[in-house]
C-alpha atoms as a PDB file:
ATOM      1  CA  UNK A   1      -0.102   0.012  -0.309  1.00  0.00           C
ATOM      2  CA  UNK A   2       1.374   3.576  -0.887  1.00  0.00           C
ATOM      3  CA  UNK A   3       2.884   5.498   2.326  1.00  0.00           C
ATOM      4  CA  UNK A   4       0.853   8.512   1.323  1.00  0.00           C
ATOM      5  CA  UNK A   5      -2.357   6.603   1.489  1.00  0.00           C
ATOM      6  CA  UNK A   6      -1.741   5.062   4.237  1.00  0.00           C
ATOM      7  CA  UNK A   7      -1.230   8.003   6.272  1.00  0.00           C
ATOM      8  CA  UNK A   8      -4.241   9.976   4.682  1.00  0.00           C
ATOM      9  CA  UNK A   9      -6.136   6.833   6.179  1.00  0.00           C
ATOM     10  CA  UNK A  10      -4.784   7.200   9.628  1.00  0.00           C
ATOM     11  CA  UNK A  11      -5.416  11.051   9.823  1.00  0.00           C
ATOM     12  CA  UNK A  12      -8.721  10.649   8.650  1.00  0.00           C
ATOM     13  CA  UNK A  13      -9.701   8.065  11.597  1.00  0.00           C
ATOM     14  CA  UNK A  14      -8.284  10.421  13.812  1.00  0.00           C
ATOM     15  CA  UNK A  15     -10.386  13.101  12.874  1.00  0.00           C
ATOM     16  CA  UNK A  16     -13.463  10.458  12.639  1.00  0.00           C
ATOM     17  CA  UNK A  17     -12.664   9.282  16.070  1.00  0.00           C
ATOM     18  CA  UNK A  18     -12.082  12.740  17.569  1.00  0.00           C
ATOM     19  CA  UNK A  19     -15.419  14.022  16.410  1.00  0.00           C
ATOM     20  CA  UNK A  20     -16.941  11.192  18.321  1.00  0.00           C
ATOM     21  CA  UNK A  21     -15.376  11.708  21.318  1.00  0.00           C
ATOM     22  CA  UNK A  22     -16.451  15.512  20.848  1.00  0.00           C
ATOM     23  CA  UNK A  23     -19.924  13.942  20.829  1.00  0.00           C
ATOM     24  CA  UNK A  24     -19.699  12.148  23.788  1.00  0.00           C
ATOM     25  CA  UNK A  25     -19.640  15.163  26.090  1.00  0.00           C
ATOM     26  CA  UNK A  26     -23.948  14.459  26.402  1.00  0.00           C
ATOM     27  CA  UNK A  27     -23.420  11.017  27.217  1.00  0.00           C
ATOM     28  CA  UNK A  28     -22.144  12.160  30.618  1.00  0.00           C
ATOM     29  CA  UNK A  29     -25.562  13.312  32.344  1.00  0.00           C
ATOM     30  CA  UNK A  30     -26.469  12.870  35.732  1.00  0.00           C
ATOM     31  CA  UNK A  31     -27.844   9.500  37.067  1.00  0.00           C
ATOM     32  CA  UNK A  32     -25.848   7.781  34.717  1.00  0.00           C
ATOM     33  CA  UNK A  33     -26.653   3.936  35.654  1.00  0.00           C
ATOM     34  CA  UNK A  34     -24.129   1.154  35.464  1.00  0.00           C
ATOM     35  CA  UNK A  35     -24.916  -0.050  32.418  1.00  0.00           C
ATOM     36  CA  UNK A  36     -25.025   3.203  31.026  1.00  0.00           C
ATOM     37  CA  UNK A  37     -21.410   4.011  32.682  1.00  0.00           C
ATOM     38  CA  UNK A  38     -20.136   0.346  31.268  1.00  0.00           C
ATOM     39  CA  UNK A  39     -21.020   1.384  27.539  1.00  0.00           C
ATOM     40  CA  UNK A  40     -19.372   4.948  27.823  1.00  0.00           C
ATOM     41  CA  UNK A  41     -16.263   3.747  29.171  1.00  0.00           C
ATOM     42  CA  UNK A  42     -15.878   0.792  26.399  1.00  0.00           C
ATOM     43  CA  UNK A  43     -16.547   3.207  23.299  1.00  0.00           C
ATOM     44  CA  UNK A  44     -13.722   5.156  25.654  1.00  0.00           C
ATOM     45  CA  UNK A  45     -11.363   2.434  25.057  1.00  0.00           C
ATOM     46  CA  UNK A  46     -12.136   1.548  21.937  1.00  0.00           C
ATOM     47  CA  UNK A  47     -11.797   4.987  20.557  1.00  0.00           C
ATOM     48  CA  UNK A  48      -8.661   5.359  22.404  1.00  0.00           C
ATOM     49  CA  UNK A  49      -7.197   2.332  21.247  1.00  0.00           C
ATOM     50  CA  UNK A  50      -7.745   3.392  17.909  1.00  0.00           C
ATOM     51  CA  UNK A  51      -6.288   6.785  18.393  1.00  0.00           C
ATOM     52  CA  UNK A  52      -3.060   5.243  19.224  1.00  0.00           C
ATOM     53  CA  UNK A  53      -2.622   2.804  16.766  1.00  0.00           C
ATOM     54  CA  UNK A  54      -3.007   5.771  13.895  1.00  0.00           C
ATOM     55  CA  UNK A  55      -1.414   8.704  15.849  1.00  0.00           C
ATOM     56  CA  UNK A  56       1.999   6.221  16.150  1.00  0.00           C
ATOM     57  CA  UNK A  57       1.757   5.916  12.597  1.00  0.00           C
ATOM     58  CA  UNK A  58       1.904   9.113  12.066  1.00  0.00           C
ATOM     59  CA  UNK A  59       4.370  10.117  14.523  1.00  0.00           C
ATOM     60  CA  UNK A  60       6.922   7.567  13.529  1.00  0.00           C
ATOM     61  CA  UNK A  61       6.229   8.457   9.903  1.00  0.00           C
ATOM     62  CA  UNK A  62       6.464  12.128  10.570  1.00  0.00           C
ATOM     63  CA  UNK A  63      10.148  13.589   8.220  1.00  0.00           C
ATOM     64  CA  UNK A  64      11.124  16.122  10.618  1.00  0.00           C
ATOM     65  CA  UNK A  65      12.365  15.671  14.054  1.00  0.00           C
ATOM     66  CA  UNK A  66      10.622  18.832  15.261  1.00  0.00           C
ATOM     67  CA  UNK A  67       7.088  17.905  14.108  1.00  0.00           C
ATOM     68  CA  UNK A  68       7.391  14.541  15.331  1.00  0.00           C
ATOM     69  CA  UNK A  69       8.567  15.820  19.065  1.00  0.00           C
ATOM     70  CA  UNK A  70       5.547  18.452  18.948  1.00  0.00           C
ATOM     71  CA  UNK A  71       3.272  15.698  18.172  1.00  0.00           C
ATOM     72  CA  UNK A  72       4.502  12.884  20.737  1.00  0.00           C
ATOM     73  CA  UNK A  73       4.064  15.539  23.097  1.00  0.00           C
ATOM     74  CA  UNK A  74       0.838  16.850  21.869  1.00  0.00           C
ATOM     75  CA  UNK A  75       0.101  13.001  22.194  1.00  0.00           C
ATOM     76  CA  UNK A  76       1.791  12.250  25.253  1.00  0.00           C
ATOM     77  CA  UNK A  77      -0.768  15.154  26.479  1.00  0.00           C
ATOM     78  CA  UNK A  78      -4.136  13.676  24.882  1.00  0.00           C
ATOM     79  CA  UNK A  79      -3.397  10.067  26.217  1.00  0.00           C
ATOM     80  CA  UNK A  80      -2.807  11.819  29.986  1.00  0.00           C
ATOM     81  CA  UNK A  81      -6.138  13.101  30.093  1.00  0.00           C
ATOM     82  CA  UNK A  82      -7.960  10.134  28.489  1.00  0.00           C
ATOM     83  CA  UNK A  83      -6.778   7.924  31.116  1.00  0.00           C
ATOM     84  CA  UNK A  84      -7.839  10.332  33.805  1.00  0.00           C
ATOM     85  CA  UNK A  85     -11.225  10.506  31.792  1.00  0.00           C
ATOM     86  CA  UNK A  86     -11.377   6.762  32.363  1.00  0.00           C
ATOM     87  CA  UNK A  87     -10.527   6.611  36.008  1.00  0.00           C
ATOM     88  CA  UNK A  88     -13.040   9.429  36.310  1.00  0.00           C
ATOM     89  CA  UNK A  89     -16.240   6.716  34.538  1.00  0.00           C
ATOM     90  CA  UNK A  90     -14.820   4.397  36.339  1.00  0.00           C
ATOM     91  CA  UNK A  91     -15.065   6.189  39.958  1.00  0.00           C
ATOM     92  CA  UNK A  92     -18.606   6.963  38.940  1.00  0.00           C
ATOM     93  CA  UNK A  93     -18.036  11.027  39.712  1.00  0.00           C
ATOM     94  CA  UNK A  94     -20.652  13.070  37.123  1.00  0.00           C
ATOM     95  CA  UNK A  95     -18.690  16.360  38.262  1.00  0.00           C
ATOM     96  CA  UNK A  96     -14.898  14.626  37.986  1.00  0.00           C
ATOM     97  CA  UNK A  97     -16.047  13.338  34.897  1.00  0.00           C
ATOM     98  CA  UNK A  98     -17.411  16.353  33.416  1.00  0.00           C
ATOM     99  CA  UNK A  99     -13.792  17.884  34.421  1.00  0.00           C
ATOM    100  CA  UNK A 100     -12.047  15.192  33.459  1.00  0.00           C
ATOM    101  CA  UNK A 101     -13.710  15.412  29.705  1.00  0.00           C
ATOM    102  CA  UNK A 102     -13.129  19.150  29.398  1.00  0.00           C
ATOM    103  CA  UNK A 103      -9.182  18.733  29.664  1.00  0.00           C
ATOM    104  CA  UNK A 104      -9.572  15.456  26.995  1.00  0.00           C
ATOM    105  CA  UNK A 105     -11.494  17.338  24.688  1.00  0.00           C
ATOM    106  CA  UNK A 106      -9.455  20.542  24.756  1.00  0.00           C
ATOM    107  CA  UNK A 107      -6.321  17.832  24.116  1.00  0.00           C
ATOM    108  CA  UNK A 108      -8.442  16.354  21.104  1.00  0.00           C
ATOM    109  CA  UNK A 109      -8.874  19.564  19.344  1.00  0.00           C
ATOM    110  CA  UNK A 110      -5.116  20.538  19.606  1.00  0.00           C
ATOM    111  CA  UNK A 111      -3.991  17.012  18.072  1.00  0.00           C
ATOM    112  CA  UNK A 112      -6.442  17.762  15.475  1.00  0.00           C
ATOM    113  CA  UNK A 113      -5.246  21.374  14.754  1.00  0.00           C
ATOM    114  CA  UNK A 114      -2.065  20.432  14.355  1.00  0.00           C
ATOM    115  CA  UNK A 115      -2.642  17.373  11.749  1.00  0.00           C
ATOM    116  CA  UNK A 116      -4.584  19.873   9.968  1.00  0.00           C
ATOM    117  CA  UNK A 117      -2.459  20.943   6.603  1.00  0.00           C
ATOM    118  CA  UNK A 118      -1.159  24.270   6.492  1.00  0.00           C
ATOM    119  CA  UNK A 119      -3.533  26.912   5.018  1.00  0.00           C
END
């Protein structure tokens, strides 16, 4: 497979996953029962896995050391906040989950903005 097409596919999946993550905010409602919390947690873990794989490919194929380092820092920040969100959802605290979700959402936006082609 053409390396450029593979990277375009990775970036497309990252953006789609980011959109889906940003749409999950409405699922953090007061009174989330155990089944809803488990479903949210499962979706979050699945999206995190896809992001990890695709971002690893994009980072490893970066031609510039500066770009690779910058994307690595943003990605590490994103996964830190996603892990915090996972812990918050598992704890069942809606207010803590919403706080962690805000941090994760901002990190997702930063990664997507970094991956956007220069204009």
